[in-house]
C-alpha atoms as a PDB file:
ATOM      1  CA  UNK A   1       7.479   7.211  -6.907  1.00  0.00           C
ATOM      2  CA  UNK A   2       5.417   5.126  -4.577  1.00  0.00           C
ATOM      3  CA  UNK A   3       7.104   6.418  -1.397  1.00  0.00           C
ATOM      4  CA  UNK A   4       6.400  10.104  -1.897  1.00  0.00           C
ATOM      5  CA  UNK A   5       3.377  10.092   0.376  1.00  0.00           C
ATOM      6  CA  UNK A   6       5.092   7.853   2.917  1.00  0.00           C
ATOM      7  CA  UNK A   7       8.050  10.218   3.022  1.00  0.00           C
ATOM      8  CA  UNK A   8       5.749  13.059   3.931  1.00  0.00           C
ATOM      9  CA  UNK A   9       4.252  11.018   6.752  1.00  0.00           C
ATOM     10  CA  UNK A  10       7.671  10.146   8.143  1.00  0.00           C
ATOM     11  CA  UNK A  11       8.722  13.774   8.037  1.00  0.00           C
ATOM     12  CA  UNK A  12       5.607  15.024   9.784  1.00  0.00           C
ATOM     13  CA  UNK A  13       5.981  12.375  12.469  1.00  0.00           C
ATOM     14  CA  UNK A  14       9.629  13.249  13.083  1.00  0.00           C
ATOM     15  CA  UNK A  15      11.119  10.024  11.733  1.00  0.00           C
ATOM     16  CA  UNK A  16      14.864   9.812  11.216  1.00  0.00           C
ATOM     17  CA  UNK A  17      16.374  10.436   7.798  1.00  0.00           C
ATOM     18  CA  UNK A  18      17.419   7.484   5.706  1.00  0.00           C
ATOM     19  CA  UNK A  19      18.983   7.509   2.247  1.00  0.00           C
ATOM     20  CA  UNK A  20      20.390   5.211  -0.375  1.00  0.00           C
ATOM     21  CA  UNK A  21      22.538   5.842  -3.411  1.00  0.00           C
ATOM     22  CA  UNK A  22      20.664   7.318  -6.340  1.00  0.00           C
ATOM     23  CA  UNK A  23      21.145   6.122  -9.904  1.00  0.00           C
ATOM     24  CA  UNK A  24      24.055   7.276 -12.043  1.00  0.00           C
ATOM     25  CA  UNK A  25      22.407   6.037 -15.236  1.00  0.00           C
ATOM     26  CA  UNK A  26      22.591   8.503 -18.112  1.00  0.00           C
ATOM     27  CA  UNK A  27      19.843   9.577 -20.473  1.00  0.00           C
ATOM     28  CA  UNK A  28      20.423   6.524 -22.664  1.00  0.00           C
ATOM     29  CA  UNK A  29      18.147   4.675 -20.240  1.00  0.00           C
ATOM     30  CA  UNK A  30      15.216   6.998 -20.780  1.00  0.00           C
ATOM     31  CA  UNK A  31      11.800   5.402 -21.133  1.00  0.00           C
ATOM     32  CA  UNK A  32      10.331   6.530 -24.444  1.00  0.00           C
ATOM     33  CA  UNK A  33       6.661   7.550 -24.526  1.00  0.00           C
ATOM     34  CA  UNK A  34       6.558   7.489 -20.733  1.00  0.00           C
ATOM     35  CA  UNK A  35       3.310   9.436 -20.521  1.00  0.00           C
ATOM     36  CA  UNK A  36       1.575   6.621 -22.387  1.00  0.00           C
ATOM     37  CA  UNK A  37       3.340   3.684 -20.756  1.00  0.00           C
ATOM     38  CA  UNK A  38       2.697   4.684 -17.139  1.00  0.00           C
ATOM     39  CA  UNK A  39      -1.071   4.977 -17.486  1.00  0.00           C
ATOM     40  CA  UNK A  40      -2.693   2.416 -15.221  1.00  0.00           C
ATOM     41  CA  UNK A  41      -2.280   0.941 -11.766  1.00  0.00           C
ATOM     42  CA  UNK A  42       1.040   0.012 -10.119  1.00  0.00           C
ATOM     43  CA  UNK A  43       2.163  -1.460  -6.784  1.00  0.00           C
ATOM     44  CA  UNK A  44       5.645  -1.509  -5.281  1.00  0.00           C
ATOM     45  CA  UNK A  45       7.466  -4.809  -5.782  1.00  0.00           C
ATOM     46  CA  UNK A  46      11.045  -4.132  -4.651  1.00  0.00           C
ATOM     47  CA  UNK A  47      12.837  -1.469  -2.655  1.00  0.00           C
ATOM     48  CA  UNK A  48      16.602  -1.064  -2.982  1.00  0.00           C
ATOM     49  CA  UNK A  49      16.896  -4.505  -4.556  1.00  0.00           C
ATOM     50  CA  UNK A  50      14.903  -6.370  -1.901  1.00  0.00           C
ATOM     51  CA  UNK A  51      11.276  -7.550  -1.885  1.00  0.00           C
ATOM     52  CA  UNK A  52       9.115  -4.858  -0.306  1.00  0.00           C
ATOM     53  CA  UNK A  53       7.315  -5.635   2.924  1.00  0.00           C
ATOM     54  CA  UNK A  54       3.558  -5.733   2.472  1.00  0.00           C
ATOM     55  CA  UNK A  55       3.146  -3.191   5.283  1.00  0.00           C
ATOM     56  CA  UNK A  56       5.221  -0.723   3.219  1.00  0.00           C
ATOM     57  CA  UNK A  57       3.166  -1.052   0.069  1.00  0.00           C
ATOM     58  CA  UNK A  58       0.797   1.346  -1.576  1.00  0.00           C
ATOM     59  CA  UNK A  59      -0.980   1.495  -4.900  1.00  0.00           C
ATOM     60  CA  UNK A  60      -0.668   4.343  -7.379  1.00  0.00           C
ATOM     61  CA  UNK A  61      -2.873   4.777 -10.422  1.00  0.00           C
ATOM     62  CA  UNK A  62      -1.866   7.129 -13.219  1.00  0.00           C
ATOM     63  CA  UNK A  63      -5.375   8.002 -14.315  1.00  0.00           C
ATOM     64  CA  UNK A  64      -4.491  10.582 -16.970  1.00  0.00           C
ATOM     65  CA  UNK A  65      -1.599  12.663 -18.275  1.00  0.00           C
ATOM     66  CA  UNK A  66      -1.614  14.859 -15.150  1.00  0.00           C
ATOM     67  CA  UNK A  67      -3.609  13.074 -12.406  1.00  0.00           C
ATOM     68  CA  UNK A  68      -2.471  10.227 -10.159  1.00  0.00           C
ATOM     69  CA  UNK A  69      -4.390   8.570  -7.327  1.00  0.00           C
ATOM     70  CA  UNK A  70      -2.755   7.060  -4.241  1.00  0.00           C
ATOM     71  CA  UNK A  71      -4.047   4.412  -1.831  1.00  0.00           C
ATOM     72  CA  UNK A  72      -2.116   4.270   1.416  1.00  0.00           C
ATOM     73  CA  UNK A  73      -2.519   2.990   4.981  1.00  0.00           C
ATOM     74  CA  UNK A  74       0.252   4.066   7.345  1.00  0.00           C
ATOM     75  CA  UNK A  75       0.417   5.354  10.934  1.00  0.00           C
ATOM     76  CA  UNK A  76      -2.713   7.484  11.357  1.00  0.00           C
ATOM     77  CA  UNK A  77      -3.078   8.146   7.618  1.00  0.00           C
ATOM     78  CA  UNK A  78      -5.806   6.399   5.652  1.00  0.00           C
ATOM     79  CA  UNK A  79      -5.980   7.336   1.976  1.00  0.00           C
ATOM     80  CA  UNK A  80      -8.088   5.502  -0.578  1.00  0.00           C
ATOM     81  CA  UNK A  81      -7.562   6.685  -4.148  1.00  0.00           C
ATOM     82  CA  UNK A  82      -6.700  10.270  -3.146  1.00  0.00           C
ATOM     83  CA  UNK A  83      -6.004  12.355  -6.270  1.00  0.00           C
ATOM     84  CA  UNK A  84      -2.892  14.486  -6.934  1.00  0.00           C
ATOM     85  CA  UNK A  85      -1.317  16.431  -9.833  1.00  0.00           C
ATOM     86  CA  UNK A  86       1.919  15.396 -11.551  1.00  0.00           C
ATOM     87  CA  UNK A  87       4.005  16.401 -14.577  1.00  0.00           C
ATOM     88  CA  UNK A  88       6.369  14.576 -16.944  1.00  0.00           C
ATOM     89  CA  UNK A  89       9.500  15.956 -18.594  1.00  0.00           C
ATOM     90  CA  UNK A  90      11.281  13.302 -20.645  1.00  0.00           C
ATOM     91  CA  UNK A  91      11.748  10.393 -18.260  1.00  0.00           C
ATOM     92  CA  UNK A  92      11.292  12.480 -15.097  1.00  0.00           C
ATOM     93  CA  UNK A  93       8.053  12.558 -13.122  1.00  0.00           C
ATOM     94  CA  UNK A  94       7.527  15.449 -10.700  1.00  0.00           C
ATOM     95  CA  UNK A  95       4.913  15.963  -8.020  1.00  0.00           C
ATOM     96  CA  UNK A  96       4.921  19.058  -5.796  1.00  0.00           C
ATOM     97  CA  UNK A  97       2.355  19.091  -3.009  1.00  0.00           C
ATOM     98  CA  UNK A  98       1.351  21.382  -0.169  1.00  0.00           C
ATOM     99  CA  UNK A  99       0.597  18.834   2.552  1.00  0.00           C
ATOM    100  CA  UNK A 100      -0.561  21.340   5.150  1.00  0.00           C
ATOM    101  CA  UNK A 101       0.016  25.010   5.986  1.00  0.00           C
ATOM    102  CA  UNK A 102       3.576  24.260   7.117  1.00  0.00           C
ATOM    103  CA  UNK A 103       4.678  21.251   5.071  1.00  0.00           C
ATOM    104  CA  UNK A 104       5.667  21.050   1.399  1.00  0.00           C
ATOM    105  CA  UNK A 105       6.764  17.927  -0.507  1.00  0.00           C
ATOM    106  CA  UNK A 106       8.779  17.999  -3.715  1.00  0.00           C
ATOM    107  CA  UNK A 107       9.044  14.579  -5.358  1.00  0.00           C
ATOM    108  CA  UNK A 108      11.145  13.745  -8.406  1.00  0.00           C
ATOM    109  CA  UNK A 109      11.249  10.291  -9.985  1.00  0.00           C
ATOM    110  CA  UNK A 110      13.564   9.248 -12.802  1.00  0.00           C
ATOM    111  CA  UNK A 111      12.174   6.293 -14.712  1.00  0.00           C
ATOM    112  CA  UNK A 112      15.119   4.253 -15.976  1.00  0.00           C
ATOM    113  CA  UNK A 113      13.142   1.491 -17.673  1.00  0.00           C
ATOM    114  CA  UNK A 114       9.521   0.538 -18.167  1.00  0.00           C
ATOM    115  CA  UNK A 115       7.685  -2.207 -20.009  1.00  0.00           C
ATOM    116  CA  UNK A 116       4.181  -3.616 -19.892  1.00  0.00           C
ATOM    117  CA  UNK A 117       4.683  -5.137 -16.438  1.00  0.00           C
ATOM    118  CA  UNK A 118       7.557  -3.454 -14.561  1.00  0.00           C
ATOM    119  CA  UNK A 119       8.841   0.061 -13.925  1.00  0.00           C
ATOM    120  CA  UNK A 120      12.346   0.724 -12.545  1.00  0.00           C
ATOM    121  CA  UNK A 121      12.955   4.139 -11.044  1.00  0.00           C
ATOM    122  CA  UNK A 122      15.169   6.348  -8.916  1.00  0.00           C
ATOM    123  CA  UNK A 123      13.106   8.152  -6.324  1.00  0.00           C
ATOM    124  CA  UNK A 124      13.897  11.433  -4.545  1.00  0.00           C
ATOM    125  CA  UNK A 125      11.720  13.348  -2.120  1.00  0.00           C
ATOM    126  CA  UNK A 126      12.474  16.533  -0.223  1.00  0.00           C
ATOM    127  CA  UNK A 127      10.206  17.624   2.617  1.00  0.00           C
ATOM    128  CA  UNK A 128      10.304  21.223   3.801  1.00  0.00           C
ATOM    129  CA  UNK A 129       8.614  22.584   6.907  1.00  0.00           C
ATOM    130  CA  UNK A 130       8.121  26.354   7.095  1.00  0.00           C
ATOM    131  CA  UNK A 131      10.585  26.729   4.236  1.00  0.00           C
ATOM    132  CA  UNK A 132      13.340  24.669   5.888  1.00  0.00           C
ATOM    133  CA  UNK A 133      14.417  21.339   4.384  1.00  0.00           C
ATOM    134  CA  UNK A 134      13.718  18.654   6.977  1.00  0.00           C
ATOM    135  CA  UNK A 135      14.188  15.344   5.198  1.00  0.00           C
ATOM    136  CA  UNK A 136      15.537  13.999   1.934  1.00  0.00           C
ATOM    137  CA  UNK A 137      14.841  10.456   0.847  1.00  0.00           C
ATOM    138  CA  UNK A 138      16.421   8.616  -2.073  1.00  0.00           C
ATOM    139  CA  UNK A 139      15.901   5.021  -3.112  1.00  0.00           C
ATOM    140  CA  UNK A 140      15.670   2.639  -6.029  1.00  0.00           C
ATOM    141  CA  UNK A 141      12.205   1.209  -6.619  1.00  0.00           C
ATOM    142  CA  UNK A 142      10.689  -1.444  -8.815  1.00  0.00           C
ATOM    143  CA  UNK A 143       6.935  -1.278  -9.358  1.00  0.00           C
ATOM    144  CA  UNK A 144       4.795  -3.915 -11.024  1.00  0.00           C
ATOM    145  CA  UNK A 145       1.618  -3.303 -12.939  1.00  0.00           C
ATOM    146  CA  UNK A 146      -1.643  -4.331 -11.291  1.00  0.00           C
ATOM    147  CA  UNK A 147      -4.140  -5.943 -13.635  1.00  0.00           C
ATOM    148  CA  UNK A 148      -6.543  -7.503 -11.119  1.00  0.00           C
ATOM    149  CA  UNK A 149      -9.087  -5.542  -9.117  1.00  0.00           C
ATOM    150  CA  UNK A 150     -10.710  -7.375  -6.204  1.00  0.00           C
ATOM    151  CA  UNK A 151     -12.620  -4.426  -4.727  1.00  0.00           C
ATOM    152  CA  UNK A 152     -15.971  -5.911  -5.792  1.00  0.00           C
ATOM    153  CA  UNK A 153     -15.142  -9.623  -5.598  1.00  0.00           C
ATOM    154  CA  UNK A 154     -14.324  -9.333  -1.879  1.00  0.00           C
ATOM    155  CA  UNK A 155     -17.862  -8.217  -0.955  1.00  0.00           C
ATOM    156  CA  UNK A 156     -19.872 -10.667   1.135  1.00  0.00           C
ATOM    157  CA  UNK A 157     -19.213 -13.070   4.002  1.00  0.00           C
ATOM    158  CA  UNK A 158     -16.025 -15.154   4.103  1.00  0.00           C
ATOM    159  CA  UNK A 159     -14.876 -17.850   6.508  1.00  0.00           C
ATOM    160  CA  UNK A 160     -11.284 -18.911   7.083  1.00  0.00           C
ATOM    161  CA  UNK A 161      -8.037 -18.620   8.997  1.00  0.00           C
ATOM    162  CA  UNK A 162      -4.306 -18.109   8.661  1.00  0.00           C
ATOM    163  CA  UNK A 163      -2.570 -21.010   6.903  1.00  0.00           C
ATOM    164  CA  UNK A 164       1.030 -20.070   7.670  1.00  0.00           C
ATOM    165  CA  UNK A 165       2.997 -20.860  10.806  1.00  0.00           C
ATOM    166  CA  UNK A 166       2.875 -17.279  12.061  1.00  0.00           C
ATOM    167  CA  UNK A 167       1.309 -13.878  11.535  1.00  0.00           C
ATOM    168  CA  UNK A 168       0.938 -10.661  13.514  1.00  0.00           C
ATOM    169  CA  UNK A 169      -2.741 -10.717  14.468  1.00  0.00           C
ATOM    170  CA  UNK A 170      -3.909 -14.320  14.485  1.00  0.00           C
ATOM    171  CA  UNK A 171      -5.223 -16.734  17.080  1.00  0.00           C
ATOM    172  CA  UNK A 172      -5.178 -19.683  14.672  1.00  0.00           C
ATOM    173  CA  UNK A 173      -8.955 -20.092  14.857  1.00  0.00           C
ATOM    174  CA  UNK A 174     -11.568 -19.968  12.124  1.00  0.00           C
ATOM    175  CA  UNK A 175     -13.423 -16.644  11.905  1.00  0.00           C
ATOM    176  CA  UNK A 176     -15.788 -14.869   9.550  1.00  0.00           C
ATOM    177  CA  UNK A 177     -15.533 -11.464   7.896  1.00  0.00           C
ATOM    178  CA  UNK A 178     -18.363  -9.641   6.159  1.00  0.00           C
ATOM    179  CA  UNK A 179     -17.016  -7.050   3.737  1.00  0.00           C
ATOM    180  CA  UNK A 180     -19.553  -4.349   2.952  1.00  0.00           C
ATOM    181  CA  UNK A 181     -19.575  -1.932   0.018  1.00  0.00           C
ATOM    182  CA  UNK A 182     -19.426   1.115   2.338  1.00  0.00           C
ATOM    183  CA  UNK A 183     -15.813   0.423   3.381  1.00  0.00           C
ATOM    184  CA  UNK A 184     -16.635  -1.293   6.683  1.00  0.00           C
ATOM    185  CA  UNK A 185     -16.556  -4.939   7.693  1.00  0.00           C
ATOM    186  CA  UNK A 186     -18.034  -7.121  10.444  1.00  0.00           C
ATOM    187  CA  UNK A 187     -15.859  -9.630  12.315  1.00  0.00           C
ATOM    188  CA  UNK A 188     -17.415 -12.858  13.625  1.00  0.00           C
ATOM    189  CA  UNK A 189     -16.160 -15.391  16.159  1.00  0.00           C
ATOM    190  CA  UNK A 190     -17.716 -18.788  16.810  1.00  0.00           C
ATOM    191  CA  UNK A 191     -18.970 -19.427  20.329  1.00  0.00           C
ATOM    192  CA  UNK A 192     -20.283 -22.960  20.631  1.00  0.00           C
ATOM    193  CA  UNK A 193     -22.357 -23.512  17.513  1.00  0.00           C
ATOM    194  CA  UNK A 194     -23.237 -19.853  17.004  1.00  0.00           C
ATOM    195  CA  UNK A 195     -21.449 -17.025  15.220  1.00  0.00           C
ATOM    196  CA  UNK A 196     -21.267 -13.824  17.249  1.00  0.00           C
ATOM    197  CA  UNK A 197     -20.416 -10.385  15.892  1.00  0.00           C
ATOM    198  CA  UNK A 198     -17.712  -8.199  17.358  1.00  0.00           C
ATOM    199  CA  UNK A 199     -18.576  -4.908  19.002  1.00  0.00           C
ATOM    200  CA  UNK A 200     -15.523  -3.025  17.724  1.00  0.00           C
ATOM    201  CA  UNK A 201     -15.680   0.766  17.721  1.00  0.00           C
ATOM    202  CA  UNK A 202     -14.051   0.831  14.272  1.00  0.00           C
ATOM    203  CA  UNK A 203     -13.763  -1.781  11.503  1.00  0.00           C
ATOM    204  CA  UNK A 204     -12.686  -0.283   8.167  1.00  0.00           C
ATOM    205  CA  UNK A 205     -11.099  -1.676   5.038  1.00  0.00           C
ATOM    206  CA  UNK A 206     -10.343  -0.828   1.439  1.00  0.00           C
ATOM    207  CA  UNK A 207      -9.168  -2.781  -1.579  1.00  0.00           C
ATOM    208  CA  UNK A 208      -7.301  -1.070  -4.402  1.00  0.00           C
ATOM    209  CA  UNK A 209      -6.263  -3.536  -7.065  1.00  0.00           C
ATOM    210  CA  UNK A 210      -4.753  -6.416  -5.095  1.00  0.00           C
ATOM    211  CA  UNK A 211      -3.880  -4.492  -1.918  1.00  0.00           C
ATOM    212  CA  UNK A 212      -6.181  -5.027   1.075  1.00  0.00           C
ATOM    213  CA  UNK A 213      -5.807  -2.659   4.025  1.00  0.00           C
ATOM    214  CA  UNK A 214      -7.783  -2.987   7.248  1.00  0.00           C
ATOM    215  CA  UNK A 215      -7.945  -1.079  10.511  1.00  0.00           C
ATOM    216  CA  UNK A 216      -9.882  -1.833  13.675  1.00  0.00           C
ATOM    217  CA  UNK A 217     -10.327  -0.451  17.159  1.00  0.00           C
ATOM    218  CA  UNK A 218     -11.962  -2.260  20.079  1.00  0.00           C
ATOM    219  CA  UNK A 219     -13.104   0.933  21.814  1.00  0.00           C
ATOM    220  CA  UNK A 220     -12.880   4.659  21.158  1.00  0.00           C
ATOM    221  CA  UNK A 221     -10.009   5.043  23.624  1.00  0.00           C
ATOM    222  CA  UNK A 222      -8.142   1.843  22.679  1.00  0.00           C
ATOM    223  CA  UNK A 223      -5.218   1.397  20.296  1.00  0.00           C
ATOM    224  CA  UNK A 224      -6.017   1.301  16.599  1.00  0.00           C
ATOM    225  CA  UNK A 225      -4.582  -1.787  14.878  1.00  0.00           C
ATOM    226  CA  UNK A 226      -3.843  -2.213  11.176  1.00  0.00           C
ATOM    227  CA  UNK A 227      -3.071  -5.036   8.804  1.00  0.00           C
ATOM    228  CA  UNK A 228      -2.069  -5.189   5.141  1.00  0.00           C
ATOM    229  CA  UNK A 229      -2.464  -8.137   2.773  1.00  0.00           C
ATOM    230  CA  UNK A 230      -2.104  -8.762  -0.932  1.00  0.00           C
ATOM    231  CA  UNK A 231      -4.998 -10.691  -2.398  1.00  0.00           C
ATOM    232  CA  UNK A 232      -3.434 -13.525  -4.354  1.00  0.00           C
ATOM    233  CA  UNK A 233      -6.679 -14.724  -5.907  1.00  0.00           C
ATOM    234  CA  UNK A 234     -10.457 -14.843  -5.627  1.00  0.00           C
ATOM    235  CA  UNK A 235     -12.044 -17.592  -7.702  1.00  0.00           C
ATOM    236  CA  UNK A 236     -14.548 -20.421  -7.353  1.00  0.00           C
ATOM    237  CA  UNK A 237     -15.618 -19.207  -3.915  1.00  0.00           C
ATOM    238  CA  UNK A 238     -12.056 -19.282  -2.554  1.00  0.00           C
ATOM    239  CA  UNK A 239      -9.936 -16.301  -1.515  1.00  0.00           C
ATOM    240  CA  UNK A 240      -6.195 -16.409  -0.801  1.00  0.00           C
ATOM    241  CA  UNK A 241      -4.042 -13.732   0.806  1.00  0.00           C
ATOM    242  CA  UNK A 242      -0.287 -13.396   1.161  1.00  0.00           C
ATOM    243  CA  UNK A 243       1.989 -10.945   2.971  1.00  0.00           C
ATOM    244  CA  UNK A 244       5.704 -10.493   3.498  1.00  0.00           C
ATOM    245  CA  UNK A 245       6.212  -9.621   7.186  1.00  0.00           C
ATOM    246  CA  UNK A 246       9.256  -8.626   9.230  1.00  0.00           C
ATOM    247  CA  UNK A 247      10.048  -9.881  12.724  1.00  0.00           C
ATOM    248  CA  UNK A 248      11.539  -7.674  15.427  1.00  0.00           C
ATOM    249  CA  UNK A 249      15.002  -9.124  14.739  1.00  0.00           C
ATOM    250  CA  UNK A 250      14.802  -7.995  11.105  1.00  0.00           C
ATOM    251  CA  UNK A 251      14.223 -11.418   9.555  1.00  0.00           C
ATOM    252  CA  UNK A 252      11.237 -11.875   7.269  1.00  0.00           C
ATOM    253  CA  UNK A 253       8.571 -14.509   6.700  1.00  0.00           C
ATOM    254  CA  UNK A 254       5.579 -15.006   4.420  1.00  0.00           C
ATOM    255  CA  UNK A 255       2.130 -15.122   5.993  1.00  0.00           C
ATOM    256  CA  UNK A 256      -0.768 -16.752   4.139  1.00  0.00           C
ATOM    257  CA  UNK A 257      -4.512 -16.816   4.647  1.00  0.00           C
ATOM    258  CA  UNK A 258      -7.345 -18.758   2.983  1.00  0.00           C
ATOM    259  CA  UNK A 259     -11.092 -18.131   3.116  1.00  0.00           C
ATOM    260  CA  UNK A 260     -14.240 -19.661   1.648  1.00  0.00           C
ATOM    261  CA  UNK A 261     -17.308 -17.670   0.564  1.00  0.00           C
ATOM    262  CA  UNK A 262     -20.300 -18.233   2.829  1.00  0.00           C
ATOM    263  CA  UNK A 263     -23.457 -18.626   0.742  1.00  0.00           C
END
C-alpha cells in the first residue's frame, strides 16, 4: 500500500502511467487476522521483486483499526505522519481519499501473506480528476516492519562524512549537523579551525522510524534539494546511514555515511 500517496503525486504532476502484472493468487493466500497483524510501523523493502530505492521509500503506521499515518518526502510534497482513514475486508485494505477539489484516489491492497516482520501485497491505485480516470498503478510490494525509532536519538550535534565511493550531495569533507526537535537542522562547515554555520533559507528534516528525510534551500528563489537516508544504527555515540541510489544510466549503488556525536 505504500505507494498510494506517491501515485497521487505522480498523477497530479502529470507523470506517465506505469503498470505491472497484478497477483493471480486466490483466497487461499489470505492473511488471517489481518486487522491485528498490520498494526504498527512498516517501510517498503522491495518493489516488483527488486530492492526499493531509498528515494522511493515512505513509512506507514497502522495506528488503529481504521487510521493510518504516512510519512513521505517527494517532489514538492512533505508529509510527516499525516493521518488517513482505511478499511479492511478479509485480506483487502481500501483507502479512498479526496486529495483536492478535483482529484480523488481509490487505493486497494490485497495482502497475500504477512508475518511478524514482512508483508507481501498486490497494490492497485486509481486516480481520477474531475471524475475522469487519469492513472492506474499496479505493483507487487514487500514491506518490512520497523521496530526502531530514531526520531529522538538523532537530536543534537553530529560530525561526519560520506564513507562510500559516491553519493548525490557530497563533497567528501567532514561537516557537522545539528538536529533540533522542531524539525529543523543547522549545517556547519569547517573554515580553518572554526566551524561556521550555513545561511540556508530552508533546512528541514524528519525521522519516522528509520527513515530520515531532509530538504534544504540556499535562498528563497533557489532550487530546493532533498535527500533520503535509512538510519542503520545509533549507538555509543555513533550514527550510521545507508541508502540505495540509482545513477542516470539505471545502475544502482549503496551510499553510506558515518557520524560521531559532538559532546
